[in-house]
Amino acid sequence: MSQHDSEDRIFLRGLTTECIIGFVDWERRVPQTVVIDLELPCDCERAARRDLVADTVDYKAVAKRVLGWVQASQFHLVESLAHGLALLLLAEFPLDWVGVSINKPGAIRHSSDVGVRIERRRVS
């Protein structure tokens, strides 16, 4: 069964790190907190049959790569950060699609959170 045939997903929620994000002058100098949620396709039935990480998505490796890449990034827009991250994951991991949410807590006065959620698919 390919990833397209399964509704199964692995999710990572609340990956928290800091990066340069924003277009206001002070935002270009001070790292800000971003919170990342990911959804990744996975054939959980296949993985469960053999109980081997080789049959699933190594979410520890994904999390490590995401955190390192985001910390080194410098985007003006959360939209650009999310898009770049999705493309990175599709290029470096065997995924047919990826869902990426990035939240920037406290970015808007009187709001606890603001962010984006995107989905990108591998282009064949």
N, C-alpha and C. Protein backbone atom coordinates (compact mmCIF):
# COMPACT_ATOMS: atom_id res chain seq x y z
N MET A 1 0.85 -1.18 0.00
CA MET A 1 0.00 0.00 0.00
C MET A 1 0.89 1.23 0.00
N SER A 2 0.68 2.15 -0.91
CA SER A 2 1.48 3.37 -0.95
C SER A 2 0.91 4.39 0.03
N GLN A 3 1.66 5.46 0.21
CA GLN A 3 1.19 6.53 1.11
C GLN A 3 -0.14 7.10 0.61
N HIS A 4 -0.35 7.11 -0.71
CA HIS A 4 -1.59 7.66 -1.26
C HIS A 4 -2.82 6.83 -0.87
N ASP A 5 -2.63 5.53 -0.66
CA ASP A 5 -3.74 4.65 -0.38
C ASP A 5 -4.16 4.65 1.09
N SER A 6 -3.36 5.25 1.95
CA SER A 6 -3.60 5.18 3.38
C SER A 6 -4.00 6.55 3.93
N GLU A 7 -4.89 6.52 4.88
CA GLU A 7 -5.27 7.75 5.59
C GLU A 7 -4.42 7.95 6.83
N ASP A 8 -3.51 7.00 7.10
CA ASP A 8 -2.69 7.06 8.31
C ASP A 8 -1.74 8.25 8.26
N ARG A 9 -1.48 8.79 9.45
CA ARG A 9 -0.59 9.93 9.56
C ARG A 9 0.24 9.82 10.83
N ILE A 10 1.42 10.38 10.74
CA ILE A 10 2.23 10.64 11.93
C ILE A 10 2.15 12.14 12.15
N PHE A 11 2.01 12.54 13.39
CA PHE A 11 2.02 13.98 13.65
C PHE A 11 3.07 14.32 14.70
N LEU A 12 3.64 15.49 14.55
CA LEU A 12 4.53 16.09 15.54
C LEU A 12 3.90 17.42 15.88
N ARG A 13 3.64 17.63 17.15
CA ARG A 13 2.98 18.87 17.57
C ARG A 13 3.85 19.62 18.56
N GLY A 14 3.88 20.90 18.40
CA GLY A 14 4.52 21.75 19.39
C GLY A 14 6.04 21.77 19.34
N LEU A 15 6.64 21.48 18.16
CA LEU A 15 8.09 21.66 18.05
C LEU A 15 8.36 23.15 18.20
N THR A 16 9.12 23.51 19.19
CA THR A 16 9.32 24.92 19.51
C THR A 16 10.78 25.30 19.39
N THR A 17 11.02 26.39 18.68
CA THR A 17 12.38 26.90 18.51
C THR A 17 12.31 28.39 18.25
N GLU A 18 13.47 28.98 18.02
CA GLU A 18 13.54 30.41 17.71
C GLU A 18 14.23 30.60 16.38
N CYS A 19 13.83 31.68 15.68
CA CYS A 19 14.46 32.03 14.42
C CYS A 19 14.21 33.50 14.14
N ILE A 20 14.90 34.00 13.13
CA ILE A 20 14.63 35.36 12.66
C ILE A 20 13.44 35.27 11.72
N ILE A 21 12.35 35.92 12.11
CA ILE A 21 11.12 35.89 11.32
C ILE A 21 10.40 37.21 11.49
N GLY A 22 10.04 37.84 10.39
CA GLY A 22 9.32 39.10 10.45
C GLY A 22 9.95 40.12 9.53
N PHE A 23 9.23 41.22 9.33
CA PHE A 23 9.73 42.24 8.42
C PHE A 23 9.96 43.59 9.11
N VAL A 24 9.55 43.72 10.37
CA VAL A 24 9.80 44.94 11.13
C VAL A 24 11.26 44.93 11.57
N ASP A 25 11.88 46.10 11.67
CA ASP A 25 13.32 46.19 11.97
C ASP A 25 13.74 45.36 13.17
N TRP A 26 13.02 45.48 14.29
CA TRP A 26 13.46 44.76 15.49
C TRP A 26 13.34 43.25 15.29
N GLU A 27 12.37 42.81 14.45
CA GLU A 27 12.21 41.38 14.20
C GLU A 27 13.39 40.80 13.42
N ARG A 28 14.10 41.65 12.68
CA ARG A 28 15.25 41.19 11.91
C ARG A 28 16.48 41.02 12.79
N ARG A 29 16.41 41.53 14.02
CA ARG A 29 17.56 41.45 14.94
C ARG A 29 17.36 40.48 16.09
N VAL A 30 16.12 40.23 16.48
CA VAL A 30 15.83 39.43 17.68
C VAL A 30 15.14 38.13 17.29
N PRO A 31 15.74 36.98 17.59
CA PRO A 31 15.06 35.72 17.30
C PRO A 31 13.72 35.64 18.05
N GLN A 32 12.73 35.10 17.35
CA GLN A 32 11.40 34.95 17.93
C GLN A 32 11.01 33.47 17.98
N THR A 33 10.13 33.17 18.90
CA THR A 33 9.65 31.80 19.06
C THR A 33 8.66 31.46 17.96
N VAL A 34 8.84 30.28 17.38
CA VAL A 34 7.86 29.70 16.47
C VAL A 34 7.54 28.29 16.96
N VAL A 35 6.29 27.91 16.75
CA VAL A 35 5.83 26.58 17.14
C VAL A 35 5.37 25.86 15.87
N ILE A 36 5.90 24.67 15.66
CA ILE A 36 5.69 23.95 14.41
C ILE A 36 4.93 22.65 14.68
N ASP A 37 3.90 22.42 13.88
CA ASP A 37 3.17 21.15 13.88
C ASP A 37 3.31 20.55 12.50
N LEU A 38 3.55 19.24 12.45
CA LEU A 38 3.70 18.54 11.18
C LEU A 38 2.74 17.36 11.09
N GLU A 39 2.25 17.09 9.89
CA GLU A 39 1.53 15.87 9.58
C GLU A 39 2.25 15.23 8.42
N LEU A 40 2.54 13.91 8.58
CA LEU A 40 3.29 13.18 7.58
C LEU A 40 2.55 11.89 7.24
N PRO A 41 2.50 11.51 5.97
CA PRO A 41 1.82 10.27 5.62
C PRO A 41 2.62 9.07 6.11
N CYS A 42 1.90 8.04 6.52
CA CYS A 42 2.55 6.83 7.02
C CYS A 42 1.60 5.66 6.87
N ASP A 43 2.11 4.55 6.40
CA ASP A 43 1.31 3.34 6.36
C ASP A 43 1.53 2.62 7.69
N CYS A 44 0.75 2.97 8.68
CA CYS A 44 0.92 2.43 10.03
C CYS A 44 0.68 0.92 10.08
N GLU A 45 -0.17 0.41 9.21
CA GLU A 45 -0.41 -1.03 9.18
C GLU A 45 0.86 -1.77 8.77
N ARG A 46 1.52 -1.30 7.73
CA ARG A 46 2.78 -1.92 7.29
C ARG A 46 3.82 -1.85 8.40
N ALA A 47 3.95 -0.69 9.03
CA ALA A 47 4.93 -0.52 10.10
C ALA A 47 4.62 -1.44 11.28
N ALA A 48 3.36 -1.60 11.59
CA ALA A 48 2.97 -2.42 12.74
C ALA A 48 3.25 -3.90 12.50
N ARG A 49 3.13 -4.33 11.26
CA ARG A 49 3.36 -5.76 10.96
C ARG A 49 4.76 -6.21 11.36
N ARG A 50 5.77 -5.40 11.04
CA ARG A 50 7.15 -5.81 11.34
C ARG A 50 7.73 -5.10 12.56
N ASP A 51 7.05 -4.03 13.00
CA ASP A 51 7.49 -3.30 14.20
C ASP A 51 8.91 -2.76 14.04
N LEU A 52 9.20 -2.23 12.82
CA LEU A 52 10.53 -1.70 12.52
C LEU A 52 10.44 -0.24 12.07
N VAL A 53 11.36 0.58 12.56
CA VAL A 53 11.37 1.99 12.18
C VAL A 53 11.61 2.16 10.68
N ALA A 54 12.26 1.19 10.06
CA ALA A 54 12.51 1.27 8.62
C ALA A 54 11.21 1.26 7.81
N ASP A 55 10.12 0.81 8.40
CA ASP A 55 8.83 0.74 7.71
C ASP A 55 7.93 1.94 7.99
N THR A 56 8.48 2.94 8.62
CA THR A 56 7.69 4.11 8.96
C THR A 56 8.52 5.37 8.74
N VAL A 57 8.01 6.51 9.15
CA VAL A 57 8.74 7.77 9.07
C VAL A 57 9.49 7.94 10.39
N ASP A 58 10.77 8.15 10.30
CA ASP A 58 11.60 8.36 11.50
C ASP A 58 11.37 9.78 11.99
N TYR A 59 10.38 9.95 12.86
CA TYR A 59 10.00 11.30 13.28
C TYR A 59 11.05 11.98 14.13
N LYS A 60 11.93 11.22 14.77
CA LYS A 60 13.05 11.83 15.49
C LYS A 60 14.00 12.51 14.50
N ALA A 61 14.29 11.84 13.40
CA ALA A 61 15.15 12.43 12.36
C ALA A 61 14.47 13.65 11.74
N VAL A 62 13.17 13.56 11.50
CA VAL A 62 12.42 14.69 10.94
C VAL A 62 12.50 15.88 11.90
N ALA A 63 12.23 15.65 13.18
CA ALA A 63 12.23 16.75 14.16
C ALA A 63 13.60 17.40 14.25
N LYS A 64 14.65 16.60 14.28
CA LYS A 64 16.01 17.15 14.36
C LYS A 64 16.33 18.02 13.15
N ARG A 65 15.97 17.55 11.96
CA ARG A 65 16.24 18.32 10.73
C ARG A 65 15.42 19.60 10.71
N VAL A 66 14.16 19.51 11.08
CA VAL A 66 13.28 20.69 11.09
C VAL A 66 13.82 21.75 12.04
N LEU A 67 14.15 21.36 13.26
CA LEU A 67 14.63 22.34 14.24
C LEU A 67 15.92 23.00 13.79
N GLY A 68 16.86 22.23 13.27
CA GLY A 68 18.12 22.81 12.80
C GLY A 68 17.91 23.77 11.64
N TRP A 69 17.06 23.38 10.70
CA TRP A 69 16.82 24.21 9.52
C TRP A 69 16.10 25.51 9.89
N VAL A 70 15.09 25.40 10.73
CA VAL A 70 14.32 26.59 11.11
C VAL A 70 15.21 27.56 11.91
N GLN A 71 16.00 27.05 12.83
CA GLN A 71 16.88 27.91 13.63
C GLN A 71 17.84 28.71 12.75
N ALA A 72 18.27 28.13 11.64
CA ALA A 72 19.22 28.79 10.74
C ALA A 72 18.54 29.68 9.71
N SER A 73 17.21 29.63 9.65
CA SER A 73 16.48 30.37 8.61
C SER A 73 16.30 31.84 8.98
N GLN A 74 16.04 32.65 7.95
CA GLN A 74 15.74 34.07 8.13
C GLN A 74 14.73 34.48 7.08
N PHE A 75 13.46 34.38 7.41
CA PHE A 75 12.39 34.75 6.49
C PHE A 75 11.67 35.99 6.99
N HIS A 76 11.04 36.69 6.06
CA HIS A 76 10.19 37.81 6.43
C HIS A 76 8.79 37.35 6.81
N LEU A 77 8.29 36.33 6.12
CA LEU A 77 6.91 35.88 6.31
C LEU A 77 6.84 34.46 6.85
N VAL A 78 5.88 34.21 7.72
CA VAL A 78 5.62 32.85 8.20
C VAL A 78 5.22 31.96 7.03
N GLU A 79 4.52 32.52 6.06
CA GLU A 79 4.13 31.77 4.87
C GLU A 79 5.36 31.23 4.14
N SER A 80 6.39 32.05 4.02
CA SER A 80 7.62 31.63 3.33
C SER A 80 8.36 30.56 4.13
N LEU A 81 8.39 30.71 5.43
CA LEU A 81 9.02 29.71 6.29
C LEU A 81 8.32 28.36 6.16
N ALA A 82 7.00 28.37 6.19
CA ALA A 82 6.23 27.12 6.08
C ALA A 82 6.45 26.47 4.71
N HIS A 83 6.42 27.25 3.66
CA HIS A 83 6.61 26.72 2.31
C HIS A 83 8.01 26.12 2.16
N GLY A 84 9.02 26.84 2.60
CA GLY A 84 10.38 26.34 2.51
C GLY A 84 10.58 25.07 3.31
N LEU A 85 9.97 25.01 4.48
CA LEU A 85 10.08 23.81 5.31
C LEU A 85 9.40 22.62 4.65
N ALA A 86 8.24 22.83 4.07
CA ALA A 86 7.54 21.75 3.37
C ALA A 86 8.38 21.22 2.21
N LEU A 87 8.97 22.10 1.43
CA LEU A 87 9.80 21.67 0.31
C LEU A 87 11.03 20.90 0.78
N LEU A 88 11.62 21.35 1.88
CA LEU A 88 12.78 20.65 2.45
C LEU A 88 12.39 19.22 2.85
N LEU A 89 11.28 19.06 3.54
CA LEU A 89 10.85 17.74 3.98
C LEU A 89 10.55 16.82 2.80
N LEU A 90 9.92 17.35 1.77
CA LEU A 90 9.63 16.54 0.59
C LEU A 90 10.90 16.14 -0.14
N ALA A 91 11.91 17.00 -0.12
CA ALA A 91 13.18 16.71 -0.80
C ALA A 91 14.04 15.71 -0.03
N GLU A 92 13.98 15.74 1.29
CA GLU A 92 14.92 14.95 2.09
C GLU A 92 14.34 13.69 2.72
N PHE A 93 13.03 13.54 2.70
CA PHE A 93 12.40 12.37 3.30
C PHE A 93 11.46 11.73 2.28
N PRO A 94 11.24 10.42 2.38
CA PRO A 94 10.38 9.74 1.40
C PRO A 94 8.90 9.96 1.71
N LEU A 95 8.43 11.15 1.44
CA LEU A 95 7.06 11.55 1.74
C LEU A 95 6.36 11.97 0.45
N ASP A 96 5.10 11.56 0.30
CA ASP A 96 4.31 12.00 -0.85
C ASP A 96 3.70 13.38 -0.63
N TRP A 97 3.47 13.72 0.63
CA TRP A 97 2.90 15.02 0.98
C TRP A 97 3.32 15.36 2.40
N VAL A 98 3.11 16.60 2.77
CA VAL A 98 3.40 17.04 4.14
C VAL A 98 2.43 18.17 4.50
N GLY A 99 1.99 18.17 5.76
CA GLY A 99 1.21 19.27 6.30
C GLY A 99 2.08 20.00 7.31
N VAL A 100 2.16 21.32 7.16
CA VAL A 100 3.01 22.14 8.03
C VAL A 100 2.17 23.28 8.60
N SER A 101 2.18 23.40 9.93
CA SER A 101 1.59 24.56 10.60
C SER A 101 2.70 25.26 11.35
N ILE A 102 2.75 26.57 11.21
CA ILE A 102 3.72 27.35 11.97
C ILE A 102 2.98 28.48 12.66
N ASN A 103 3.14 28.53 13.97
CA ASN A 103 2.51 29.55 14.79
C ASN A 103 3.58 30.48 15.34
N LYS A 104 3.23 31.73 15.44
CA LYS A 104 4.12 32.76 15.99
C LYS A 104 3.40 33.36 17.21
N PRO A 105 3.56 32.72 18.37
CA PRO A 105 2.81 33.16 19.56
C PRO A 105 3.12 34.62 19.92
N GLY A 106 2.08 35.35 20.26
CA GLY A 106 2.26 36.72 20.71
C GLY A 106 2.58 37.71 19.61
N ALA A 107 2.45 37.34 18.35
CA ALA A 107 2.80 38.24 17.25
C ALA A 107 1.81 39.39 17.10
N ILE A 108 0.58 39.16 17.50
CA ILE A 108 -0.47 40.18 17.38
C ILE A 108 -1.02 40.49 18.77
N ARG A 109 -1.03 41.74 19.09
CA ARG A 109 -1.58 42.17 20.37
C ARG A 109 -3.03 41.73 20.48
N HIS A 110 -3.41 41.28 21.65
CA HIS A 110 -4.77 40.79 21.94
C HIS A 110 -5.07 39.44 21.29
N SER A 111 -4.05 38.76 20.79
CA SER A 111 -4.22 37.43 20.21
C SER A 111 -3.16 36.51 20.80
N SER A 112 -3.55 35.32 21.18
CA SER A 112 -2.57 34.40 21.77
C SER A 112 -1.65 33.80 20.72
N ASP A 113 -2.09 33.80 19.46
CA ASP A 113 -1.33 33.08 18.46
C ASP A 113 -1.75 33.54 17.07
N VAL A 114 -0.83 33.44 16.12
CA VAL A 114 -1.13 33.68 14.71
C VAL A 114 -0.22 32.75 13.92
N GLY A 115 -0.69 32.29 12.78
CA GLY A 115 0.15 31.39 12.00
C GLY A 115 -0.51 30.96 10.71
N VAL A 116 0.13 29.96 10.08
CA VAL A 116 -0.37 29.43 8.83
C VAL A 116 -0.37 27.91 8.87
N ARG A 117 -1.19 27.31 8.02
CA ARG A 117 -1.17 25.86 7.82
C ARG A 117 -1.22 25.61 6.34
N ILE A 118 -0.25 24.83 5.86
CA ILE A 118 -0.19 24.53 4.43
C ILE A 118 -0.04 23.02 4.23
N GLU A 119 -0.37 22.57 3.04
CA GLU A 119 -0.08 21.21 2.60
C GLU A 119 0.62 21.32 1.26
N ARG A 120 1.65 20.50 1.10
CA ARG A 120 2.37 20.45 -0.17
C ARG A 120 2.54 18.99 -0.55
N ARG A 121 2.50 18.72 -1.85
CA ARG A 121 2.66 17.36 -2.37
C ARG A 121 3.93 17.28 -3.21
N ARG A 122 4.49 16.08 -3.21
CA ARG A 122 5.65 15.81 -4.04
C ARG A 122 5.23 15.93 -5.50
N VAL A 123 6.04 16.62 -6.28
CA VAL A 123 5.80 16.75 -7.71
C VAL A 123 6.60 15.66 -8.41
N SER A 124 5.91 14.84 -9.17
CA SER A 124 6.59 13.72 -9.85
C SER A 124 7.19 14.14 -11.15
